[in-house]
Amino acid sequence: MPVSTLSIVAQALAGLLIAATLLPFWRSRAGLVRTFDFPRFQIASAIPPVLVLLVAAGHDPLSLALGAGLLAALGLQLRRILPFTRLARPTAAAAPAGADPARCVSILIVNVLQSNRAYDRLLRVVEGCDPDLILALETDAGWRDALQPLRARYPHGVDQAQDNTYGLILYSRLPLDDLRVRFLVEDDVPSVRAGVTLPCGERFTFHGVHPRPPHPGQSSATRDGELVLVAREVAREGGPAVVAGDLNDVAWSRTTRLFQAIGGLLDPRIGRGAYPTFHANWPILRWPLDHVFFSEHFLLARLERLGHVGSDHFPILITLCRHDSAEEVQEPPAADAEDRREGAEAVAEAREEAAS
C-alpha cells in the first residue's frame, strides 16, 4: 500500500477513534450516542496501534494533530476504565474471612436469553453454586416451566414470565415480604422489589431490574429514568439495600454513576476488575451489563463471573455480608444538587418517552 494511502487510512481511523471517544460526553439520550458508552476498553485498546500506524505513515501537520488527539482520547478512556482494574483502590470493602454465615446472602443474577433452551445448563449452575436468591431475566413461559423444579428449594419468590424478553423470575430460599412486581416506567418492562430476611433475622430490600437498552433509534430515556427512580427509593428508605440485574448500561457510564450517587450505592467491581458479562460469545466485544450494587451496610465476600449457560450473558454470583464495621470502612457516593437536578430531568424524559 503506498504511503499516501496508508496515511489516509491511518488518519481516518484516528478520526473515528477520537469521535467515538468524545461522542459519549454529549449529554444526549439518543441511542447512537449512548451506545458509545459501552466499548471503552475496545476503543482504548485500538488507539495505540492506530497511533503507531499514524506516526509510521507520515509526519504532516494533520497526522501530528490527530496523533495528539489520539493521546488525549486514550487519556479520557483510561480515566473512565482504570477504576475497573486492579490498579484502583476498591470502594467496596472485603468481608473478613470469619464473617457470620447467618448474616450473609449469596445472589445469582443471570440473563438467560429468552430464545436459549439449554435449561439444564443453568440448572447445573444453580446446583453447583447453591445461591440464596436467584434473579433470572428474559424468562418466558418455557423458562418458567423449566425452572419450576427449583421451587422445592426456593419456596419464596415470583414468576413474571413474559414473551417480550423482559420477563423475570425471583426465587429465594430466604423469607420474603412486601414482594411486588412493578412497572416503574414502561407498562411491559417489569422490575421486582422484596424485603429479604437473613437467617440472623436482619432484613434488607432487594431490587431486581432490567430496563430497556438504548441502541441506534432507541433512546436511553426509559432506562435512565427507571434507574433513577430505583436509586431515589433506596435513598429515601435509607436501610440496607441491594440492586441487581441486567441494567443495560456499563459500570463507567454517566448514567450508572448518577444512579450510584443518588442511591448511595457501592460497586464491587471498582478496584477488582470489569467482570464483563456480555457478549458471552464474542470475546473481543464484551462489557459489564449485569450488576450488583449495594448500600454501605454490606461487605463483599465473593464476586464471580460464572461459566457459559447458553445465553449471550454470563451469570454473576455475589455473596454479601452484614457486618458491624461495614459503615465505618466504606464511603458510598453521594449526590449533589446537580445530580438531583439531572435525576429529575431523567425521570421527566423517561415518562415523556413512555407516554409517546
Protein backbone atom coordinates (compact mmCIF):
# COMPACT_ATOMS: atom_id res chain seq x y z
CA MET A 1 0.00 0.00 0.00
CA PRO A 2 1.51 3.40 -0.95
CA VAL A 3 2.48 5.59 1.96
CA SER A 4 -0.02 8.28 0.98
CA THR A 5 -2.88 5.78 1.04
CA LEU A 6 -1.66 4.35 4.33
CA SER A 7 -1.58 7.85 5.76
CA ILE A 8 -5.18 8.48 4.68
CA VAL A 9 -6.32 5.20 6.26
CA ALA A 10 -4.48 5.98 9.50
CA GLN A 11 -5.95 9.47 9.62
CA ALA A 12 -9.46 8.15 9.03
CA LEU A 13 -9.10 5.54 11.79
CA ALA A 14 -7.69 8.15 14.16
CA GLY A 15 -10.58 10.48 13.45
CA LEU A 16 -13.11 7.72 14.10
CA LEU A 17 -11.49 6.75 17.41
CA ILE A 18 -11.37 10.37 18.56
CA ALA A 19 -15.03 10.85 17.61
CA ALA A 20 -16.04 7.60 19.36
CA THR A 21 -14.26 8.82 22.50
CA LEU A 22 -15.82 12.29 22.51
CA LEU A 23 -19.37 11.36 21.50
CA PRO A 24 -20.45 9.93 24.90
CA PHE A 25 -19.56 13.22 26.59
CA TRP A 26 -22.54 14.73 24.80
CA ARG A 27 -25.41 14.51 27.26
CA SER A 28 -27.84 13.28 24.67
CA ARG A 29 -30.06 10.28 25.35
CA ALA A 30 -30.02 9.30 21.68
CA GLY A 31 -29.29 5.60 21.37
CA LEU A 32 -26.48 6.13 18.85
CA VAL A 33 -24.69 8.43 21.31
CA ARG A 34 -25.20 6.29 24.39
CA THR A 35 -24.07 3.15 22.55
CA PHE A 36 -20.53 4.55 22.60
CA ASP A 37 -20.56 4.43 26.42
CA PHE A 38 -20.11 0.68 26.12
CA PRO A 39 -16.90 -0.17 24.20
CA ARG A 40 -14.40 1.94 26.15
CA PHE A 41 -11.97 -0.93 26.69
CA GLN A 42 -12.13 -1.79 23.00
CA ILE A 43 -11.58 1.82 21.89
CA ALA A 44 -8.71 2.26 24.33
CA SER A 45 -7.11 -0.95 23.04
CA ALA A 46 -7.42 0.21 19.42
CA ILE A 47 -5.77 3.60 19.97
CA PRO A 48 -2.08 2.51 20.42
CA PRO A 49 -1.80 0.51 17.17
CA VAL A 50 -3.55 3.25 15.22
CA LEU A 51 -1.21 5.81 16.79
CA VAL A 52 1.81 3.74 15.69
CA LEU A 53 0.34 3.44 12.19
CA LEU A 54 -0.28 7.18 12.07
CA VAL A 55 3.29 8.00 13.06
CA ALA A 56 4.72 5.46 10.62
CA ALA A 57 2.60 6.74 7.74
CA GLY A 58 3.66 10.37 7.84
CA HIS A 59 4.59 13.47 9.81
CA ASP A 60 2.38 16.05 8.13
CA PRO A 61 0.53 18.59 10.33
CA LEU A 62 -2.79 16.71 10.15
CA SER A 63 -1.20 13.43 11.26
CA LEU A 64 0.59 15.17 14.13
CA ALA A 65 -2.64 16.85 15.24
CA LEU A 66 -4.54 13.57 15.07
CA GLY A 67 -1.74 11.86 16.99
CA ALA A 68 -2.10 14.41 19.77
CA GLY A 69 -5.86 13.86 19.65
CA LEU A 70 -5.38 10.12 19.99
CA LEU A 71 -3.20 10.55 23.06
CA ALA A 72 -5.85 12.79 24.62
CA ALA A 73 -8.55 10.27 23.71
CA LEU A 74 -6.56 7.47 25.32
CA GLY A 75 -6.25 9.55 28.48
CA LEU A 76 -10.01 10.13 28.55
CA GLN A 77 -10.74 6.44 28.06
CA LEU A 78 -8.27 5.36 30.75
CA ARG A 79 -9.75 7.83 33.19
CA ARG A 80 -13.08 6.04 32.88
CA ILE A 81 -11.91 2.43 32.79
CA LEU A 82 -8.92 2.32 35.15
CA PRO A 83 -11.20 2.29 38.24
CA PHE A 84 -12.43 -1.08 36.95
CA THR A 85 -8.98 -2.63 37.10
CA ARG A 86 -6.80 -3.78 39.97
CA LEU A 87 -4.86 -0.52 39.68
CA ALA A 88 -7.60 1.28 41.61
CA ARG A 89 -8.49 1.05 45.29
CA PRO A 90 -11.75 -0.85 45.91
CA THR A 91 -14.60 1.23 47.26
CA ALA A 92 -16.49 -1.85 48.48
CA ALA A 93 -14.54 -3.41 51.35
CA ALA A 94 -13.97 -7.14 51.61
CA ALA A 95 -15.73 -9.14 54.29
CA PRO A 96 -13.46 -10.79 56.88
CA ALA A 97 -12.78 -14.49 56.47
CA GLY A 98 -14.71 -15.23 59.63
CA ALA A 99 -17.89 -13.40 58.64
CA ASP A 100 -21.01 -14.89 60.22
CA PRO A 101 -22.78 -17.03 57.57
CA ALA A 102 -26.12 -16.19 59.17
CA ARG A 103 -25.52 -12.54 58.20
CA CYS A 104 -24.58 -13.31 54.59
CA VAL A 105 -26.57 -13.74 51.39
CA SER A 106 -25.48 -15.21 48.04
CA ILE A 107 -27.22 -13.97 44.90
CA LEU A 108 -27.14 -15.33 41.36
CA ILE A 109 -28.04 -12.94 38.54
CA VAL A 110 -28.48 -14.31 35.05
CA ASN A 111 -29.98 -13.05 31.82
CA VAL A 112 -30.94 -16.40 30.34
CA LEU A 113 -31.59 -15.16 26.76
CA GLN A 114 -35.24 -15.85 26.06
CA SER A 115 -34.55 -17.95 22.94
CA ASN A 116 -31.96 -20.09 24.77
CA ARG A 117 -33.37 -23.53 25.55
CA ALA A 118 -30.32 -25.03 27.27
CA TYR A 119 -32.29 -25.16 30.51
CA ASP A 120 -30.14 -27.90 32.01
CA ARG A 121 -27.01 -25.74 31.84
CA LEU A 122 -28.48 -23.12 34.15
CA LEU A 123 -29.93 -25.78 36.44
CA ARG A 124 -26.46 -27.29 36.80
CA VAL A 125 -25.02 -23.87 37.66
CA VAL A 126 -27.66 -23.38 40.34
CA GLU A 127 -26.92 -26.83 41.70
CA GLY A 128 -23.21 -26.06 41.82
CA CYS A 129 -23.25 -22.64 43.47
CA ASP A 130 -26.44 -23.06 45.55
CA PRO A 131 -27.31 -19.36 45.91
CA ASP A 132 -29.81 -17.97 48.40
CA LEU A 133 -31.51 -15.78 45.76
CA ILE A 134 -31.83 -16.26 42.01
CA LEU A 135 -32.80 -13.43 39.68
CA ALA A 136 -33.38 -14.77 36.16
CA LEU A 137 -34.13 -12.30 33.38
CA GLU A 138 -35.61 -12.69 29.87
CA THR A 139 -37.70 -15.57 31.21
CA ASP A 140 -40.75 -16.65 29.23
CA ALA A 141 -43.21 -19.46 29.89
CA GLY A 142 -40.68 -22.07 28.73
CA TRP A 143 -38.13 -20.85 31.27
CA ARG A 144 -40.76 -20.64 34.00
CA ASP A 145 -41.64 -24.29 33.46
CA ALA A 146 -38.00 -25.38 33.21
CA LEU A 147 -37.07 -23.68 36.48
CA GLN A 148 -40.13 -24.95 38.33
CA PRO A 149 -38.20 -27.89 39.91
CA LEU A 150 -36.17 -25.31 41.86
CA ARG A 151 -39.29 -24.38 43.80
CA ALA A 152 -38.68 -27.19 46.27
CA ARG A 153 -35.51 -25.45 47.44
CA TYR A 154 -36.68 -21.91 46.76
CA PRO A 155 -40.21 -21.67 48.13
CA HIS A 156 -40.36 -17.87 48.06
CA GLY A 157 -40.45 -15.64 45.03
CA VAL A 158 -42.39 -14.60 41.97
CA ASP A 159 -42.73 -15.69 38.32
CA GLN A 160 -43.29 -12.78 35.96
CA ALA A 161 -42.89 -14.71 32.71
CA GLN A 162 -43.27 -12.58 29.57
CA ASP A 163 -42.59 -13.24 25.90
CA ASN A 164 -41.11 -9.80 25.11
CA THR A 165 -37.59 -10.52 26.54
CA TYR A 166 -38.42 -8.61 29.75
CA GLY A 167 -39.85 -11.42 31.85
CA LEU A 168 -38.25 -12.06 35.21
CA ILE A 169 -38.20 -14.70 37.92
CA LEU A 170 -37.07 -14.20 41.50
CA TYR A 171 -36.56 -17.31 43.63
CA SER A 172 -35.44 -17.24 47.25
CA ARG A 173 -34.80 -19.75 49.98
CA LEU A 174 -34.87 -16.85 52.45
CA PRO A 175 -38.22 -15.42 53.59
CA LEU A 176 -39.53 -12.52 51.52
CA ASP A 177 -42.01 -9.83 52.46
CA ASP A 178 -43.64 -6.93 50.66
CA LEU A 179 -42.94 -8.72 47.38
CA ARG A 180 -44.03 -6.60 44.43
CA VAL A 181 -43.65 -6.71 40.67
CA ARG A 182 -43.74 -3.16 39.39
CA PHE A 183 -43.76 -1.35 36.06
CA LEU A 184 -41.93 1.81 37.01
CA VAL A 185 -41.73 3.47 33.60
CA GLU A 186 -43.00 1.21 30.81
CA ASP A 187 -46.06 -0.99 31.13
CA ASP A 188 -44.31 -4.01 29.58
CA VAL A 189 -40.96 -3.77 31.42
CA PRO A 190 -41.23 -5.12 34.98
CA SER A 191 -38.95 -4.85 37.97
CA VAL A 192 -39.22 -6.61 41.31
CA ARG A 193 -38.86 -5.39 44.87
CA ALA A 194 -38.87 -7.51 48.04
CA GLY A 195 -37.82 -7.44 51.66
CA VAL A 196 -35.39 -10.27 52.42
CA THR A 197 -34.79 -11.66 55.89
CA LEU A 198 -31.38 -13.15 56.58
CA PRO A 199 -31.02 -16.24 58.82
CA CYS A 200 -29.84 -13.93 61.64
CA GLY A 201 -33.13 -12.01 61.44
CA GLU A 202 -31.73 -8.87 59.81
CA ARG A 203 -33.62 -7.54 56.80
CA PHE A 204 -32.66 -5.79 53.58
CA THR A 205 -34.51 -4.62 50.49
CA PHE A 206 -33.78 -6.26 47.16
CA HIS A 207 -34.50 -4.60 43.82
CA GLY A 208 -34.26 -6.62 40.59
CA VAL A 209 -34.22 -4.56 37.39
CA HIS A 210 -33.90 -5.00 33.63
CA PRO A 211 -34.65 -1.72 31.83
CA ARG A 212 -34.87 -1.44 28.07
CA PRO A 213 -31.46 -0.85 26.41
CA PRO A 214 -30.51 2.07 24.19
CA HIS A 215 -29.43 1.40 20.63
CA PRO A 216 -29.42 3.39 17.40
CA GLY A 217 -33.02 4.51 17.01
CA GLN A 218 -33.91 3.76 20.66
CA SER A 219 -33.43 6.46 23.30
CA SER A 220 -31.86 5.68 26.69
CA ALA A 221 -34.51 7.82 28.42
CA THR A 222 -36.64 4.99 29.85
CA ARG A 223 -33.57 3.10 31.09
CA ASP A 224 -32.10 6.19 32.70
CA GLY A 225 -35.35 7.20 34.34
CA GLU A 226 -36.03 3.74 35.75
CA LEU A 227 -32.58 3.55 37.32
CA VAL A 228 -33.01 6.99 38.90
CA LEU A 229 -36.41 6.02 40.32
CA VAL A 230 -34.93 2.92 41.97
CA ALA A 231 -31.98 4.93 43.30
CA ARG A 232 -34.35 7.55 44.78
CA GLU A 233 -36.30 4.83 46.55
CA VAL A 234 -33.13 3.33 48.02
CA ALA A 235 -32.03 6.76 49.26
CA ARG A 236 -35.44 7.63 50.66
CA GLU A 237 -35.70 4.43 52.68
CA GLY A 238 -32.10 4.59 53.86
CA GLY A 239 -31.78 0.98 55.08
CA PRO A 240 -29.73 -1.95 53.78
CA ALA A 241 -30.41 -2.43 50.08
CA VAL A 242 -29.21 -4.39 47.06
CA VAL A 243 -29.96 -3.51 43.44
CA ALA A 244 -29.19 -6.20 40.89
CA GLY A 245 -29.91 -7.16 37.33
CA ASP A 246 -29.12 -6.50 33.71
CA LEU A 247 -29.03 -2.71 33.77
CA ASN A 248 -28.31 -2.50 30.05
CA ASP A 249 -25.65 0.01 30.98
CA VAL A 250 -21.94 -0.21 31.69
CA ALA A 251 -20.34 0.46 35.06
CA TRP A 252 -18.40 3.53 33.84
CA SER A 253 -21.25 5.42 32.18
CA ARG A 254 -22.54 8.75 33.42
CA THR A 255 -25.98 7.22 33.98
CA THR A 256 -24.65 4.44 36.20
CA ARG A 257 -22.54 6.88 38.20
CA LEU A 258 -25.61 9.11 38.62
CA PHE A 259 -27.65 6.10 39.77
CA GLN A 260 -24.96 5.24 42.33
CA ALA A 261 -24.68 8.78 43.63
CA ILE A 262 -28.43 9.23 44.09
CA GLY A 263 -28.82 5.81 45.72
CA GLY A 264 -25.59 5.93 47.73
CA LEU A 265 -24.65 2.53 46.31
CA LEU A 266 -21.30 0.78 46.10
CA ASP A 267 -19.94 -1.04 43.04
CA PRO A 268 -17.89 -4.15 43.93
CA ARG A 269 -16.15 -4.05 40.54
CA ILE A 270 -14.16 -0.93 41.35
CA GLY A 271 -10.59 -1.98 42.10
CA ARG A 272 -11.31 -5.63 41.25
CA GLY A 273 -11.97 -5.79 37.52
CA ALA A 274 -14.65 -5.15 34.93
CA TYR A 275 -16.20 -8.67 35.05
CA PRO A 276 -17.69 -8.28 31.56
CA THR A 277 -20.84 -10.34 31.18
CA PHE A 278 -22.00 -9.52 27.62
CA HIS A 279 -21.49 -10.74 24.89
CA ALA A 280 -20.69 -14.27 26.08
CA ASN A 281 -20.00 -15.49 22.54
CA TRP A 282 -17.84 -12.57 21.38
CA PRO A 283 -14.66 -12.36 23.49
CA ILE A 284 -13.43 -9.18 21.78
CA LEU A 285 -16.71 -7.32 22.28
CA ARG A 286 -17.56 -7.68 25.95
CA TRP A 287 -18.60 -5.21 28.61
CA PRO A 288 -20.25 -5.36 32.04
CA LEU A 289 -24.05 -5.16 31.69
CA ASP A 290 -25.08 -7.34 34.64
CA HIS A 291 -24.53 -5.69 38.00
CA VAL A 292 -24.99 -5.86 41.75
CA PHE A 293 -24.87 -2.59 43.68
CA PHE A 294 -25.35 -2.41 47.43
CA SER A 295 -25.54 0.00 50.34
CA GLU A 296 -22.71 0.54 52.80
CA HIS A 297 -24.37 -1.87 55.24
CA PHE A 298 -22.75 -4.83 53.42
CA LEU A 299 -19.21 -6.08 52.90
CA LEU A 300 -18.20 -8.12 49.86
CA ALA A 301 -17.36 -11.78 50.49
CA ARG A 302 -17.40 -13.08 46.90
CA LEU A 303 -17.79 -11.82 43.34
CA GLU A 304 -17.52 -14.23 40.44
CA ARG A 305 -18.47 -14.39 36.79
CA LEU A 306 -19.68 -17.91 36.12
CA GLY A 307 -19.43 -20.07 33.00
CA HIS A 308 -21.45 -20.15 29.81
CA VAL A 309 -25.11 -21.21 30.19
CA GLY A 310 -26.07 -20.92 26.51
CA SER A 311 -27.07 -17.27 26.88
CA ASP A 312 -25.40 -14.19 25.42
CA HIS A 313 -24.76 -13.17 29.05
CA PHE A 314 -22.58 -14.81 31.68
CA PRO A 315 -24.15 -15.19 35.15
CA ILE A 316 -22.79 -13.22 38.10
CA LEU A 317 -22.58 -14.71 41.60
CA ILE A 318 -22.06 -12.47 44.60
CA THR A 319 -22.01 -13.01 48.36
CA LEU A 320 -22.62 -10.04 50.65
CA CYS A 321 -22.35 -9.96 54.43
CA ARG A 322 -23.74 -7.64 57.05
CA HIS A 323 -21.01 -6.59 59.46
CA ASP A 324 -20.85 -4.16 62.37
CA SER A 325 -17.86 -2.33 60.83
CA ALA A 326 -19.28 -2.05 57.30
CA GLU A 327 -20.47 1.54 57.56
CA GLU A 328 -17.21 2.64 59.16
CA VAL A 329 -14.86 1.25 56.50
CA GLN A 330 -16.80 2.26 53.36
CA GLU A 331 -17.85 5.60 51.97
CA PRO A 332 -20.63 5.38 49.40
CA PRO A 333 -21.01 8.03 46.70
CA ALA A 334 -23.31 10.95 47.47
CA ALA A 335 -25.49 13.09 45.20
CA ASP A 336 -25.10 16.84 44.96
CA ALA A 337 -27.59 19.42 43.72
CA GLU A 338 -26.51 18.92 40.09
CA ASP A 339 -27.03 15.16 40.39
CA ARG A 340 -30.52 15.65 41.79
CA ARG A 341 -31.37 18.10 39.00
CA GLU A 342 -30.08 15.67 36.38
CA GLY A 343 -32.01 12.84 38.01
CA ALA A 344 -35.24 14.84 37.88
CA GLU A 345 -34.63 15.53 34.18
CA ALA A 346 -34.05 11.82 33.54
CA VAL A 347 -37.32 10.82 35.20
CA ALA A 348 -39.29 13.51 33.34
CA GLU A 349 -37.82 12.46 29.99
CA ALA A 350 -38.48 8.79 30.74
CA ARG A 351 -42.13 9.41 31.47
CA GLU A 352 -42.47 11.53 28.36
CA GLU A 353 -40.82 8.83 26.26
CA ALA A 354 -43.02 6.10 27.74
CA ALA A 355 -46.17 8.12 27.11
CA SER A 356 -45.34 8.82 23.47
